[in-house]
Amino acid sequence: MIAETYRALFLHPEQDEDDFSALLPVMGPSPPALIRAATTFAGARAIAVYRLAEASSWPEAAAFLYQETVPGTIRDGESLEQVALPDD
Protein backbone atom coordinates (compact mmCIF):
# COMPACT_ATOMS: atom_id res chain seq x y z
CA MET A 1 0.00 0.00 0.00
CA ILE A 2 1.44 3.37 -1.05
CA ALA A 3 1.11 6.36 1.25
CA GLU A 4 -1.22 9.14 0.11
CA THR A 5 1.07 11.93 1.30
CA TYR A 6 4.77 12.41 1.99
CA ARG A 7 6.92 14.94 3.83
CA ALA A 8 8.97 17.08 1.41
CA LEU A 9 12.01 18.64 3.08
CA PHE A 10 13.31 21.80 1.37
CA LEU A 11 16.99 22.46 2.06
CA HIS A 12 18.94 25.69 1.58
CA PRO A 13 22.60 24.92 2.31
CA GLU A 14 24.83 27.98 2.19
CA GLN A 15 21.79 30.28 1.86
CA ASP A 16 20.31 32.86 4.21
CA GLU A 17 16.88 31.23 3.91
CA ASP A 18 15.53 28.73 6.43
CA ASP A 19 14.92 25.08 5.61
CA PHE A 20 11.25 24.08 5.70
CA SER A 21 8.97 21.13 4.98
CA ALA A 22 5.52 20.51 3.51
CA LEU A 23 3.12 17.59 3.37
CA LEU A 24 2.41 16.83 -0.32
CA PRO A 25 0.34 14.22 -2.17
CA VAL A 26 2.15 11.18 -3.56
CA MET A 27 1.76 11.44 -7.35
CA GLY A 28 3.45 8.19 -8.43
CA PRO A 29 5.78 5.34 -7.56
CA SER A 30 8.81 7.65 -7.31
CA PRO A 31 9.28 11.17 -5.97
CA PRO A 32 9.15 14.15 -8.33
CA ALA A 33 12.46 15.27 -9.83
CA LEU A 34 11.69 18.93 -9.13
CA ILE A 35 9.41 20.96 -6.95
CA ARG A 36 8.68 24.56 -7.87
CA ALA A 37 7.65 26.92 -5.05
CA ALA A 38 6.00 30.31 -5.44
CA THR A 39 8.13 33.09 -3.98
CA THR A 40 9.12 36.70 -4.60
CA PHE A 41 12.42 38.21 -5.65
CA ALA A 42 13.03 41.96 -5.52
CA GLY A 43 9.28 42.49 -5.13
CA ALA A 44 8.32 40.48 -8.23
CA ARG A 45 6.70 37.05 -8.45
CA ALA A 46 9.21 34.26 -8.89
CA ILE A 47 9.64 30.49 -8.61
CA ALA A 48 12.17 28.79 -6.34
CA VAL A 49 13.30 25.53 -7.94
CA TYR A 50 14.24 22.55 -5.75
CA ARG A 51 15.85 19.38 -7.17
CA LEU A 52 15.41 15.94 -5.62
CA ALA A 53 18.46 15.26 -3.41
CA GLU A 54 17.57 12.19 -1.35
CA ALA A 55 14.66 9.74 -1.35
CA SER A 56 15.75 6.67 0.62
CA SER A 57 12.64 7.08 2.83
CA TRP A 58 10.23 7.26 -0.12
CA PRO A 59 7.19 7.25 -0.01
CA GLU A 60 7.26 8.63 3.54
CA ALA A 61 9.70 11.49 2.83
CA ALA A 62 12.07 13.02 0.28
CA ALA A 63 14.60 15.86 0.48
CA PHE A 64 14.92 18.58 -2.15
CA LEU A 65 17.87 20.94 -2.51
CA TYR A 66 17.43 24.57 -3.55
CA GLN A 67 18.73 25.05 -7.09
CA GLU A 68 17.74 28.54 -8.27
CA THR A 69 15.08 31.25 -8.35
CA VAL A 70 13.62 32.18 -11.73
CA PRO A 71 10.98 34.74 -12.82
CA GLY A 72 7.47 33.38 -13.24
CA THR A 73 4.38 32.06 -11.51
CA ILE A 74 2.95 28.65 -10.75
CA ARG A 75 -0.27 27.72 -12.51
CA ASP A 76 -3.66 28.22 -10.90
CA GLY A 77 -2.26 30.17 -7.95
CA GLU A 78 -0.79 27.09 -6.28
CA SER A 79 2.12 27.58 -3.89
CA LEU A 80 3.94 24.30 -4.75
CA GLU A 81 4.10 22.32 -8.00
CA GLN A 82 5.60 18.83 -8.34
CA VAL A 83 7.39 18.19 -11.64
CA ALA A 84 8.36 14.76 -12.98
CA LEU A 85 10.99 14.94 -15.71
CA PRO A 86 10.90 12.55 -18.70
CA ASP A 87 14.33 11.13 -17.93
CA ASP A 88 13.43 10.23 -14.32
PDB file of N, CA and C in Angstrom:
ATOM      1  N   MET A   1       0.837  -1.182   0.000  1.00  0.00           N
ATOM      2  CA  MET A   1       0.000   0.000   0.000  1.00  0.00           C
ATOM      3  C   MET A   1       0.883   1.247   0.000  1.00  0.00           C
ATOM      4  N   ILE A   2       0.657   2.144  -0.949  1.00  0.00           N
ATOM      5  CA  ILE A   2       1.440   3.375  -1.054  1.00  0.00           C
ATOM      6  C   ILE A   2       0.777   4.461  -0.214  1.00  0.00           C
ATOM      7  N   ALA A   3       1.610   5.247   0.450  1.00  0.00           N
ATOM      8  CA  ALA A   3       1.110   6.363   1.254  1.00  0.00           C
ATOM      9  C   ALA A   3       0.426   7.385   0.339  1.00  0.00           C
ATOM     10  N   GLU A   4      -0.526   8.117   0.881  1.00  0.00           N
ATOM     11  CA  GLU A   4      -1.224   9.136   0.111  1.00  0.00           C
ATOM     12  C   GLU A   4      -0.481  10.466   0.130  1.00  0.00           C
ATOM     13  N   THR A   5       0.301  10.694   1.186  1.00  0.00           N
ATOM     14  CA  THR A   5       1.072  11.926   1.296  1.00  0.00           C
ATOM     15  C   THR A   5       2.498  11.610   1.730  1.00  0.00           C
ATOM     16  N   TYR A   6       3.397  12.539   1.527  1.00  0.00           N
ATOM     17  CA  TYR A   6       4.770  12.406   1.987  1.00  0.00           C
ATOM     18  C   TYR A   6       5.269  13.752   2.500  1.00  0.00           C
ATOM     19  N   ARG A   7       6.316  13.723   3.302  1.00  0.00           N
ATOM     20  CA  ARG A   7       6.922  14.938   3.834  1.00  0.00           C
ATOM     21  C   ARG A   7       8.054  15.351   2.902  1.00  0.00           C
ATOM     22  N   ALA A   8       7.928  16.527   2.275  1.00  0.00           N
ATOM     23  CA  ALA A   8       8.974  17.077   1.413  1.00  0.00           C
ATOM     24  C   ALA A   8       9.806  18.039   2.248  1.00  0.00           C
ATOM     25  N   LEU A   9      11.087  17.791   2.333  1.00  0.00           N
ATOM     26  CA  LEU A   9      12.010  18.643   3.076  1.00  0.00           C
ATOM     27  C   LEU A   9      12.742  19.532   2.075  1.00  0.00           C
ATOM     28  N   PHE A  10      12.691  20.834   2.273  1.00  0.00           N
ATOM     29  CA  PHE A  10      13.313  21.800   1.368  1.00  0.00           C
ATOM     30  C   PHE A  10      14.553  22.372   2.042  1.00  0.00           C
ATOM     31  N   LEU A  11      15.707  22.122   1.442  1.00  0.00           N
ATOM     32  CA  LEU A  11      16.990  22.465   2.057  1.00  0.00           C
ATOM     33  C   LEU A  11      17.670  23.613   1.321  1.00  0.00           C
ATOM     34  N   HIS A  12      18.263  24.511   2.115  1.00  0.00           N
ATOM     35  CA  HIS A  12      18.942  25.695   1.579  1.00  0.00           C
ATOM     36  C   HIS A  12      20.375  25.769   2.106  1.00  0.00           C
ATOM     37  N   PRO A  13      21.230  24.825   1.802  1.00  0.00           N
ATOM     38  CA  PRO A  13      22.605  24.922   2.306  1.00  0.00           C
ATOM     39  C   PRO A  13      23.296  26.166   1.740  1.00  0.00           C
ATOM     40  N   GLU A  14      24.064  26.796   2.572  1.00  0.00           N
ATOM     41  CA  GLU A  14      24.834  27.980   2.193  1.00  0.00           C
ATOM     42  C   GLU A  14      23.948  29.134   1.733  1.00  0.00           C
ATOM     43  N   GLN A  15      22.716  29.183   2.187  1.00  0.00           N
ATOM     44  CA  GLN A  15      21.794  30.276   1.859  1.00  0.00           C
ATOM     45  C   GLN A  15      21.335  30.939   3.155  1.00  0.00           C
ATOM     46  N   ASP A  16      20.833  32.155   3.050  1.00  0.00           N
ATOM     47  CA  ASP A  16      20.310  32.862   4.215  1.00  0.00           C
ATOM     48  C   ASP A  16      18.890  32.420   4.557  1.00  0.00           C
ATOM     49  N   GLU A  17      18.263  31.655   3.676  1.00  0.00           N
ATOM     50  CA  GLU A  17      16.883  31.230   3.907  1.00  0.00           C
ATOM     51  C   GLU A  17      16.830  30.004   4.816  1.00  0.00           C
ATOM     52  N   ASP A  18      15.716  29.868   5.536  1.00  0.00           N
ATOM     53  CA  ASP A  18      15.525  28.730   6.429  1.00  0.00           C
ATOM     54  C   ASP A  18      15.056  27.506   5.652  1.00  0.00           C
ATOM     55  N   ASP A  19      15.459  26.332   6.129  1.00  0.00           N
ATOM     56  CA  ASP A  19      14.922  25.081   5.607  1.00  0.00           C
ATOM     57  C   ASP A  19      13.468  24.975   6.063  1.00  0.00           C
ATOM     58  N   PHE A  20      12.637  24.281   5.302  1.00  0.00           N
ATOM     59  CA  PHE A  20      11.249  24.079   5.697  1.00  0.00           C
ATOM     60  C   PHE A  20      10.760  22.767   5.123  1.00  0.00           C
ATOM     61  N   SER A  21       9.553  22.364   5.503  1.00  0.00           N
ATOM     62  CA  SER A  21       8.973  21.134   4.979  1.00  0.00           C
ATOM     63  C   SER A  21       7.500  21.365   4.665  1.00  0.00           C
ATOM     64  N   ALA A  22       6.938  20.451   3.866  1.00  0.00           N
ATOM     65  CA  ALA A  22       5.524  20.509   3.515  1.00  0.00           C
ATOM     66  C   ALA A  22       5.027  19.089   3.308  1.00  0.00           C
ATOM     67  N   LEU A  23       3.767  18.874   3.598  1.00  0.00           N
ATOM     68  CA  LEU A  23       3.119  17.590   3.367  1.00  0.00           C
ATOM     69  C   LEU A  23       2.462  17.661   1.989  1.00  0.00           C
ATOM     70  N   LEU A  24       2.897  16.793   1.057  1.00  0.00           N
ATOM     71  CA  LEU A  24       2.414  16.828  -0.321  1.00  0.00           C
ATOM     72  C   LEU A  24       1.811  15.487  -0.717  1.00  0.00           C
ATOM     73  N   PRO A  25       0.915  15.482  -1.707  1.00  0.00           N
ATOM     74  CA  PRO A  25       0.336  14.221  -2.166  1.00  0.00           C
ATOM     75  C   PRO A  25       1.356  13.404  -2.951  1.00  0.00           C
ATOM     76  N   VAL A  26       1.332  12.089  -2.763  1.00  0.00           N
ATOM     77  CA  VAL A  26       2.153  11.181  -3.564  1.00  0.00           C
ATOM     78  C   VAL A  26       1.504  11.112  -4.941  1.00  0.00           C
ATOM     79  N   MET A  27       2.296  11.397  -5.989  1.00  0.00           N
ATOM     80  CA  MET A  27       1.763  11.438  -7.352  1.00  0.00           C
ATOM     81  C   MET A  27       2.144  10.215  -8.183  1.00  0.00           C
ATOM     82  N   GLY A  28       3.024   9.354  -7.668  1.00  0.00           N
ATOM     83  CA  GLY A  28       3.447   8.195  -8.434  1.00  0.00           C
ATOM     84  C   GLY A  28       4.367   7.302  -7.624  1.00  0.00           C
ATOM     85  N   PRO A  29       4.936   6.299  -8.269  1.00  0.00           N
ATOM     86  CA  PRO A  29       5.776   5.339  -7.556  1.00  0.00           C
ATOM     87  C   PRO A  29       7.137   5.889  -7.138  1.00  0.00           C
ATOM     88  N   SER A  30       7.537   7.036  -7.695  1.00  0.00           N
ATOM     89  CA  SER A  30       8.805   7.649  -7.308  1.00  0.00           C
ATOM     90  C   SER A  30       8.570   9.129  -7.033  1.00  0.00           C
ATOM     91  N   PRO A  31       9.468   9.752  -6.287  1.00  0.00           N
ATOM     92  CA  PRO A  31       9.280  11.171  -5.967  1.00  0.00           C
ATOM     93  C   PRO A  31       9.474  12.038  -7.208  1.00  0.00           C
ATOM     94  N   PRO A  32       8.940  13.263  -7.189  1.00  0.00           N
ATOM     95  CA  PRO A  32       9.151  14.151  -8.329  1.00  0.00           C
ATOM     96  C   PRO A  32      10.621  14.556  -8.421  1.00  0.00           C
ATOM     97  N   ALA A  33      11.072  14.845  -9.620  1.00  0.00           N
ATOM     98  CA  ALA A  33      12.457  15.269  -9.825  1.00  0.00           C
ATOM     99  C   ALA A  33      12.668  16.705  -9.374  1.00  0.00           C
ATOM    100  N   LEU A  34      11.627  17.522  -9.514  1.00  0.00           N
ATOM    101  CA  LEU A  34      11.693  18.930  -9.129  1.00  0.00           C
ATOM    102  C   LEU A  34      10.428  19.325  -8.391  1.00  0.00           C
ATOM    103  N   ILE A  35      10.566  20.289  -7.518  1.00  0.00           N
ATOM    104  CA  ILE A  35       9.406  20.964  -6.952  1.00  0.00           C
ATOM    105  C   ILE A  35       9.641  22.450  -7.150  1.00  0.00           C
ATOM    106  N   ARG A  36       8.622  23.114  -7.656  1.00  0.00           N
ATOM    107  CA  ARG A  36       8.679  24.564  -7.866  1.00  0.00           C
ATOM    108  C   ARG A  36       7.816  25.214  -6.800  1.00  0.00           C
ATOM    109  N   ALA A  37       8.351  26.239  -6.137  1.00  0.00           N
ATOM    110  CA  ALA A  37       7.652  26.918  -5.049  1.00  0.00           C
ATOM    111  C   ALA A  37       7.475  28.393  -5.383  1.00  0.00           C
ATOM    112  N   ALA A  38       6.260  28.896  -5.210  1.00  0.00           N
ATOM    113  CA  ALA A  38       5.997  30.313  -5.438  1.00  0.00           C
ATOM    114  C   ALA A  38       6.756  31.135  -4.404  1.00  0.00           C
ATOM    115  N   THR A  39       7.376  32.210  -4.859  1.00  0.00           N
ATOM    116  CA  THR A  39       8.133  33.091  -3.977  1.00  0.00           C
ATOM    117  C   THR A  39       8.161  34.487  -4.599  1.00  0.00           C
ATOM    118  N   THR A  40       8.891  35.386  -4.005  1.00  0.00           N
ATOM    119  CA  THR A  40       9.120  36.701  -4.598  1.00  0.00           C
ATOM    120  C   THR A  40      10.615  36.975  -4.617  1.00  0.00           C
ATOM    121  N   PHE A  41      11.029  37.798  -5.561  1.00  0.00           N
ATOM    122  CA  PHE A  41      12.421  38.214  -5.653  1.00  0.00           C
ATOM    123  C   PHE A  41      12.422  39.669  -6.080  1.00  0.00           C
ATOM    124  N   ALA A  42      12.991  40.517  -5.261  1.00  0.00           N
ATOM    125  CA  ALA A  42      13.034  41.961  -5.522  1.00  0.00           C
ATOM    126  C   ALA A  42      11.631  42.510  -5.781  1.00  0.00           C
ATOM    127  N   GLY A  43      10.648  42.012  -5.034  1.00  0.00           N
ATOM    128  CA  GLY A  43       9.279  42.494  -5.130  1.00  0.00           C
ATOM    129  C   GLY A  43       8.457  41.919  -6.274  1.00  0.00           C
ATOM    130  N   ALA A  44       9.039  41.073  -7.104  1.00  0.00           N
ATOM    131  CA  ALA A  44       8.315  40.477  -8.230  1.00  0.00           C
ATOM    132  C   ALA A  44       8.040  38.998  -7.956  1.00  0.00           C
ATOM    133  N   ARG A  45       7.003  38.474  -8.597  1.00  0.00           N
ATOM    134  CA  ARG A  45       6.702  37.052  -8.453  1.00  0.00           C
ATOM    135  C   ARG A  45       7.807  36.224  -9.088  1.00  0.00           C
ATOM    136  N   ALA A  46       8.135  35.127  -8.414  1.00  0.00           N
ATOM    137  CA  ALA A  46       9.209  34.261  -8.890  1.00  0.00           C
ATOM    138  C   ALA A  46       8.924  32.829  -8.468  1.00  0.00           C
ATOM    139  N   ILE A  47       9.767  31.910  -8.938  1.00  0.00           N
ATOM    140  CA  ILE A  47       9.642  30.492  -8.610  1.00  0.00           C
ATOM    141  C   ILE A  47      10.987  30.006  -8.089  1.00  0.00           C
ATOM    142  N   ALA A  48      10.980  29.440  -6.879  1.00  0.00           N
ATOM    143  CA  ALA A  48      12.172  28.793  -6.335  1.00  0.00           C
ATOM    144  C   ALA A  48      12.144  27.337  -6.785  1.00  0.00           C
ATOM    145  N   VAL A  49      13.221  26.884  -7.395  1.00  0.00           N
ATOM    146  CA  VAL A  49      13.297  25.535  -7.942  1.00  0.00           C
ATOM    147  C   VAL A  49      14.134  24.658  -7.007  1.00  0.00           C
ATOM    148  N   TYR A  50      13.574  23.510  -6.626  1.00  0.00           N
ATOM    149  CA  TYR A  50      14.245  22.548  -5.755  1.00  0.00           C
ATOM    150  C   TYR A  50      14.387  21.226  -6.504  1.00  0.00           C
ATOM    151  N   ARG A  51      15.578  20.667  -6.497  1.00  0.00           N
ATOM    152  CA  ARG A  51      15.852  19.384  -7.175  1.00  0.00           C
ATOM    153  C   ARG A  51      15.918  18.265  -6.138  1.00  0.00           C
ATOM    154  N   LEU A  52      15.381  17.099  -6.500  1.00  0.00           N
ATOM    155  CA  LEU A  52      15.415  15.936  -5.616  1.00  0.00           C
ATOM    156  C   LEU A  52      16.860  15.638  -5.214  1.00  0.00           C
ATOM    157  N   ALA A  53      17.103  15.513  -3.907  1.00  0.00           N
ATOM    158  CA  ALA A  53      18.458  15.264  -3.411  1.00  0.00           C
ATOM    159  C   ALA A  53      18.582  13.899  -2.741  1.00  0.00           C
ATOM    160  N   GLU A  54      17.490  13.444  -2.096  1.00  0.00           N
ATOM    161  CA  GLU A  54      17.572  12.187  -1.346  1.00  0.00           C
ATOM    162  C   GLU A  54      16.161  11.630  -1.154  1.00  0.00           C
ATOM    163  N   ALA A  55      15.986  10.342  -1.453  1.00  0.00           N
ATOM    164  CA  ALA A  55      14.658   9.742  -1.348  1.00  0.00           C
ATOM    165  C   ALA A  55      14.698   8.324  -0.792  1.00  0.00           C
ATOM    166  N   SER A  56      15.653   8.032   0.081  1.00  0.00           N
ATOM    167  CA  SER A  56      15.747   6.675   0.619  1.00  0.00           C
ATOM    168  C   SER A  56      14.561   6.326   1.521  1.00  0.00           C
ATOM    169  N   SER A  57      13.816   7.326   1.989  1.00  0.00           N
ATOM    170  CA  SER A  57      12.637   7.079   2.827  1.00  0.00           C
ATOM    171  C   SER A  57      11.331   7.150   2.030  1.00  0.00           C
ATOM    172  N   TRP A  58      11.444   7.183   0.708  1.00  0.00           N
ATOM    173  CA  TRP A  58      10.230   7.259  -0.122  1.00  0.00           C
ATOM    174  C   TRP A  58       9.364   6.031   0.082  1.00  0.00           C
ATOM    175  N   PRO A  59       8.058   6.107   0.223  1.00  0.00           N
ATOM    176  CA  PRO A  59       7.195   7.252  -0.008  1.00  0.00           C
ATOM    177  C   PRO A  59       6.845   8.044   1.251  1.00  0.00           C
ATOM    178  N   GLU A  60       7.543   7.856   2.336  1.00  0.00           N
ATOM    179  CA  GLU A  60       7.257   8.635   3.541  1.00  0.00           C
ATOM    180  C   GLU A  60       7.844  10.036   3.478  1.00  0.00           C
ATOM    181  N   ALA A  61       9.034  10.184   2.869  1.00  0.00           N
ATOM    182  CA  ALA A  61       9.703  11.487   2.829  1.00  0.00           C
ATOM    183  C   ALA A  61      10.692  11.543   1.680  1.00  0.00           C
ATOM    184  N   ALA A  62      11.028  12.769   1.282  1.00  0.00           N
ATOM    185  CA  ALA A  62      12.072  13.017   0.281  1.00  0.00           C
ATOM    186  C   ALA A  62      12.645  14.402   0.548  1.00  0.00           C
ATOM    187  N   ALA A  63      13.926  14.580   0.263  1.00  0.00           N
ATOM    188  CA  ALA A  63      14.597  15.864   0.479  1.00  0.00           C
ATOM    189  C   ALA A  63      14.899  16.508  -0.870  1.00  0.00           C
ATOM    190  N   PHE A  64      14.702  17.815  -0.926  1.00  0.00           N
ATOM    191  CA  PHE A  64      14.917  18.583  -2.146  1.00  0.00           C
ATOM    192  C   PHE A  64      15.866  19.738  -1.841  1.00  0.00           C
ATOM    193  N   LEU A  65      16.850  19.927  -2.688  1.00  0.00           N
ATOM    194  CA  LEU A  65      17.871  20.938  -2.512  1.00  0.00           C
ATOM    195  C   LEU A  65      17.567  22.137  -3.399  1.00  0.00           C
ATOM    196  N   TYR A  66      17.657  23.342  -2.790  1.00  0.00           N
ATOM    197  CA  TYR A  66      17.427  24.569  -3.548  1.00  0.00           C
ATOM    198  C   TYR A  66      18.401  24.633  -4.716  1.00  0.00           C
ATOM    199  N   GLN A  67      17.884  24.960  -5.908  1.00  0.00           N
ATOM    200  CA  GLN A  67      18.728  25.053  -7.094  1.00  0.00           C
ATOM    201  C   GLN A  67      18.857  26.498  -7.584  1.00  0.00           C
ATOM    202  N   GLU A  68      17.706  27.176  -7.759  1.00  0.00           N
ATOM    203  CA  GLU A  68      17.741  28.540  -8.268  1.00  0.00           C
ATOM    204  C   GLU A  68      16.371  29.187  -8.116  1.00  0.00           C
ATOM    205  N   THR A  69      16.335  30.509  -8.292  1.00  0.00           N
ATOM    206  CA  THR A  69      15.085  31.246  -8.351  1.00  0.00           C
ATOM    207  C   THR A  69      14.992  31.866  -9.733  1.00  0.00           C
ATOM    208  N   VAL A  70      13.828  31.677 -10.377  1.00  0.00           N
ATOM    209  CA  VAL A  70      13.620  32.181 -11.734  1.00  0.00           C
ATOM    210  C   VAL A  70      12.340  33.015 -11.761  1.00  0.00           C
ATOM    211  N   PRO A  71      12.222  33.968 -12.698  1.00  0.00           N
ATOM    212  CA  PRO A  71      10.982  34.738 -12.822  1.00  0.00           C
ATOM    213  C   PRO A  71       9.833  33.822 -13.237  1.00  0.00           C
ATOM    214  N   GLY A  72       8.630  34.147 -12.798  1.00  0.00           N
ATOM    215  CA  GLY A  72       7.468  33.385 -13.241  1.00  0.00           C
ATOM    216  C   GLY A  72       6.475  33.146 -12.131  1.00  0.00           C
ATOM    217  N   THR A  73       5.426  32.418 -12.464  1.00  0.00           N
ATOM    218  CA  THR A  73       4.381  32.057 -11.512  1.00  0.00           C
ATOM    219  C   THR A  73       4.042  30.590 -11.695  1.00  0.00           C
ATOM    220  N   ILE A  74       3.415  30.036 -10.687  1.00  0.00           N
ATOM    221  CA  ILE A  74       2.947  28.650 -10.747  1.00  0.00           C
ATOM    222  C   ILE A  74       1.483  28.674 -11.151  1.00  0.00           C
ATOM    223  N   ARG A  75       1.089  27.748 -11.978  1.00  0.00           N
ATOM    224  CA  ARG A  75      -0.272  27.720 -12.511  1.00  0.00           C
ATOM    225  C   ARG A  75      -1.339  27.689 -11.422  1.00  0.00           C
ATOM    226  N   ASP A  76      -2.464  28.264 -11.741  1.00  0.00           N
ATOM    227  CA  ASP A  76      -3.655  28.224 -10.897  1.00  0.00           C
ATOM    228  C   ASP A  76      -3.437  28.732  -9.479  1.00  0.00           C
ATOM    229  N   GLY A  77      -2.459  29.584  -9.262  1.00  0.00           N
ATOM    230  CA  GLY A  77      -2.262  30.171  -7.953  1.00  0.00           C
ATOM    231  C   GLY A  77      -1.779  29.215  -6.877  1.00  0.00           C
ATOM    232  N   GLU A  78      -1.316  28.045  -7.250  1.00  0.00           N
ATOM    233  CA  GLU A  78      -0.791  27.089  -6.275  1.00  0.00           C
ATOM    234  C   GLU A  78       0.506  27.626  -5.679  1.00  0.00           C
ATOM    235  N   SER A  79       0.865  27.142  -4.491  1.00  0.00           N
ATOM    236  CA  SER A  79       2.124  27.578  -3.890  1.00  0.00           C
ATOM    237  C   SER A  79       3.261  26.594  -4.165  1.00  0.00           C
ATOM    238  N   LEU A  80       2.939  25.319  -4.429  1.00  0.00           N
ATOM    239  CA  LEU A  80       3.944  24.301  -4.749  1.00  0.00           C
ATOM    240  C   LEU A  80       3.475  23.477  -5.940  1.00  0.00           C
ATOM    241  N   GLU A  81       4.415  23.140  -6.826  1.00  0.00           N
ATOM    242  CA  GLU A  81       4.105  22.317  -7.996  1.00  0.00           C
ATOM    243  C   GLU A  81       5.154  21.210  -8.110  1.00  0.00           C
ATOM    244  N   GLN A  82       4.694  19.976  -8.178  1.00  0.00           N
ATOM    245  CA  GLN A  82       5.598  18.827  -8.339  1.00  0.00           C
ATOM    246  C   GLN A  82       5.798  18.576  -9.823  1.00  0.00           C
ATOM    247  N   VAL A  83       7.056  18.359 -10.231  1.00  0.00           N
ATOM    248  CA  VAL A  83       7.388  18.186 -11.645  1.00  0.00           C
ATOM    249  C   VAL A  83       8.175  16.897 -11.830  1.00  0.00           C
ATOM    250  N   ALA A  84       7.624  15.992 -12.616  1.00  0.00           N
ATOM    251  CA  ALA A  84       8.360  14.759 -12.976  1.00  0.00           C
ATOM    252  C   ALA A  84       9.011  15.032 -14.331  1.00  0.00           C
ATOM    253  N   LEU A  85      10.288  14.722 -14.447  1.00  0.00           N
ATOM    254  CA  LEU A  85      10.987  14.940 -15.710  1.00  0.00           C
ATOM    255  C   LEU A  85      11.000  13.646 -16.524  1.00  0.00           C
ATOM    256  N   PRO A  86      10.968  13.745 -17.858  1.00  0.00           N
ATOM    257  CA  PRO A  86      10.895  12.555 -18.704  1.00  0.00           C
ATOM    258  C   PRO A  86      12.029  11.559 -18.494  1.00  0.00           C
ATOM    259  N   ASP A  87      13.210  12.026 -18.095  1.00  0.00           N
ATOM    260  CA  ASP A  87      14.335  11.127 -17.934  1.00  0.00           C
ATOM    261  C   ASP A  87      14.414  10.511 -16.543  1.00  0.00           C
ATOM    262  N   ASP A  88      13.444  10.762 -15.683  1.00  0.00           N
ATOM    263  CA  ASP A  88      13.434  10.231 -14.316  1.00  0.00           C
ATOM    264  C   ASP A  88      12.758   8.876 -14.263  1.00  0.00           C
TER     265      ASP A  88
END
